[in-house]
Protein backbone atom coordinates (compact mmCIF):
# COMPACT_ATOMS: atom_id res chain seq x y z
CA MET A 1 -101.65 124.93 155.67
CA ILE A 2 -100.81 124.42 152.00
CA SER A 3 -98.25 126.53 150.15
CA ALA A 4 -99.14 128.68 147.16
CA TYR A 5 -97.00 126.54 144.84
CA SER A 6 -98.67 123.33 146.01
CA ARG A 7 -102.11 124.88 145.54
CA ALA A 8 -101.20 126.02 142.02
CA LYS A 9 -99.84 122.56 141.22
CA ILE A 10 -103.10 120.94 142.34
CA GLU A 11 -105.11 123.43 140.24
CA GLY A 12 -102.83 122.91 137.22
CA ARG A 13 -101.59 126.51 137.16
CA ILE A 14 -97.96 125.62 136.47
CA CYS A 15 -96.07 127.21 133.57
CA HIS A 16 -95.24 124.79 130.77
CA GLN A 17 -91.82 126.39 130.17
CA CYS A 18 -90.34 127.23 133.56
CA GLN A 19 -92.58 125.25 135.95
CA TRP A 20 -93.49 128.33 138.00
CA ILE A 21 -96.93 129.63 139.07
CA ILE A 22 -99.38 131.24 136.64
CA ASN A 23 -101.63 133.72 138.40
CA LYS A 24 -105.35 132.96 138.54
CA VAL A 25 -106.43 135.83 136.28
CA ASP A 26 -104.10 134.80 133.46
CA PHE A 27 -104.99 131.14 133.89
CA GLN A 28 -108.70 131.95 133.56
CA LYS A 29 -107.91 133.90 130.38
CA GLY A 30 -106.40 130.72 128.93
CA TYR A 31 -102.67 131.42 129.30
CA ARG A 32 -100.56 128.35 130.01
CA ILE A 33 -97.24 130.12 130.51
CA CYS A 34 -96.35 132.68 133.17
CA ARG A 35 -95.85 136.41 132.53
CA ASN A 36 -92.06 136.16 132.69
CA CYS A 37 -92.00 133.51 129.97
CA THR A 38 -94.47 135.57 127.92
CA ASP A 39 -92.10 138.55 128.06
CA ILE A 40 -89.13 136.35 127.18
CA ASN A 41 -90.94 134.88 124.20
CA LYS A 42 -91.84 138.38 122.97
CA GLY A 43 -88.27 139.57 123.39
CA VAL A 44 -89.10 142.46 125.71
CA ASN A 45 -86.02 144.57 126.51
CA VAL A 46 -83.71 142.13 124.76
CA ARG A 47 -82.43 144.48 122.07
CA GLY A 48 -81.77 147.36 124.45
CA GLY A 49 -79.48 145.39 126.71
CA HIS A 50 -78.66 146.65 130.16
CA TYR A 51 -76.62 149.46 131.64
CA PRO A 52 -73.04 148.70 132.73
CA TYR A 53 -72.19 148.49 136.39
CA GLN A 54 -71.32 151.80 138.03
CA ASP A 55 -67.76 150.73 138.83
CA GLU A 56 -67.18 149.19 135.40
CA PRO A 57 -64.77 151.15 133.18
CA ARG A 58 -66.01 152.39 129.80
CA ASP A 59 -65.09 150.35 126.75
CA LYS A 60 -62.24 151.82 124.73
CA THR A 61 -63.37 151.85 121.13
CA GLY A 62 -60.13 153.24 119.69
CA ASN A 63 -61.76 156.49 118.61
CA MET A 64 -60.00 159.68 119.67
CA PRO A 65 -62.18 162.44 121.14
């Protein structure tokens, strides 16, 4: 039995940036990078940042309420 990564490597469906698997549908459309790298290149959710951890204290900005 052959693994999914080995099968993708034989078929040439390996991402040029991160060396991970490109799904068959995207590969047939002509994409040569995976969906994660596509999102990274577009900058999806980069500007918004992320929420702080629940136990992380709020930043003190010096402004009085």
